[in-house]
Protein backbone atom coordinates (compact mmCIF):
# COMPACT_ATOMS: atom_id res chain seq x y z
CA UNK A 1 -0.09 -0.09 -0.04
CA UNK A 2 1.27 3.54 -1.18
CA UNK A 3 1.75 6.11 1.44
CA UNK A 4 -1.43 7.87 -0.39
CA UNK A 5 -3.31 4.70 -0.37
CA UNK A 6 -2.77 4.48 3.84
CA UNK A 7 -3.29 8.19 4.01
CA UNK A 8 -6.66 8.20 2.91
CA UNK A 9 -7.59 5.35 4.16
CA UNK A 10 -7.29 6.61 7.80
CA UNK A 11 -8.66 9.75 6.58
CA UNK A 12 -11.60 7.39 5.42
CA UNK A 13 -12.03 5.63 8.91
CA UNK A 14 -11.77 8.63 10.87
CA UNK A 15 -14.93 10.24 8.67
CA UNK A 16 -16.68 7.28 9.45
CA UNK A 17 -15.92 7.32 13.29
CA UNK A 18 -17.26 10.94 13.10
CA UNK A 19 -20.27 9.71 11.33
CA UNK A 20 -21.06 7.01 13.66
CA UNK A 21 -20.67 8.78 16.62
CA UNK A 22 -23.18 11.83 15.28
CA UNK A 23 -25.65 8.93 14.29
CA UNK A 24 -25.38 7.40 17.81
CA UNK A 25 -25.96 10.94 19.36
CA UNK A 26 -28.69 12.04 17.50
CA UNK A 27 -30.06 8.34 18.39
CA UNK A 28 -29.55 8.97 21.41
CA UNK A 29 -31.97 12.40 22.35
CA UNK A 30 -34.10 10.95 19.46
CA UNK A 31 -34.83 8.02 22.08
CA UNK A 32 -34.87 10.20 24.91
CA UNK A 33 -37.60 12.51 23.03
CA UNK A 34 -39.43 9.50 22.62
CA UNK A 35 -39.52 8.31 26.18
CA UNK A 36 -40.33 11.86 27.05
CA UNK A 37 -43.69 12.45 24.86
CA UNK A 38 -44.60 8.88 25.90
CA UNK A 39 -44.48 8.54 29.15
CA UNK A 40 -46.30 11.72 29.07
CA UNK A 41 -48.87 9.98 27.13
CA UNK A 42 -49.18 7.05 28.78
CA UNK A 43 -49.86 9.64 31.98
CA UNK A 44 -52.00 11.09 29.85
CA UNK A 45 -50.80 14.66 30.72
CA UNK A 46 -52.12 16.76 27.48
CA UNK A 47 -49.02 18.24 25.05
CA UNK A 48 -49.59 20.79 22.29
CA UNK A 49 -47.75 20.67 19.06
CA UNK A 50 -45.33 23.17 20.60
CA UNK A 51 -44.28 21.09 23.16
CA UNK A 52 -43.92 17.96 21.05
CA UNK A 53 -41.46 20.09 18.62
CA UNK A 54 -39.24 21.52 21.16
CA UNK A 55 -38.90 18.25 22.74
CA UNK A 56 -38.46 16.62 19.11
CA UNK A 57 -35.51 19.63 18.20
CA UNK A 58 -33.26 18.91 21.64
CA UNK A 59 -30.35 18.31 20.95
CA UNK A 60 -28.52 18.44 24.37
CA UNK A 61 -28.69 14.92 26.24
CA UNK A 62 -28.61 16.46 29.76
CA UNK A 63 -31.68 18.61 29.14
CA UNK A 64 -33.18 15.90 27.63
CA UNK A 65 -32.22 13.25 30.79
CA UNK A 66 -33.98 16.18 33.05
CA UNK A 67 -36.93 16.60 31.52
CA UNK A 68 -38.08 12.68 31.29
CA UNK A 69 -37.04 12.57 35.19
CA UNK A 70 -39.58 15.02 35.26
CA UNK A 71 -42.08 13.30 32.95
CA UNK A 72 -42.47 10.64 35.40
CA UNK A 73 -43.77 12.80 38.13
CA UNK A 74 -44.91 16.22 36.12
CA UNK A 75 -49.08 16.98 35.80
CA UNK A 76 -48.60 19.37 33.11
CA UNK A 77 -46.24 19.50 29.88
CA UNK A 78 -44.93 22.89 31.00
CA UNK A 79 -43.53 21.68 34.43
CA UNK A 80 -41.20 19.58 32.12
CA UNK A 81 -39.49 21.83 30.42
CA UNK A 82 -40.20 24.58 33.05
CA UNK A 83 -36.86 26.77 33.76
CA UNK A 84 -35.56 25.39 30.07
């Protein structure tokens, strides 16, 4: 293998690794968002479209985890995202 080919393979692998990391992060965000909405729906907490969109578009895993914890006991959707 030539030096150029080896360098290309290294570059290609780094792009694959970056793509994998981004996909895993996005999947985690989507899973947390789905969990929040599912918990609230199961508890019959009303959610409007704006709330759902805010949850579904959030890209901060720590914030989503905090919201999920709140969703377990919140009596209103607004209480889940309060102070956010």
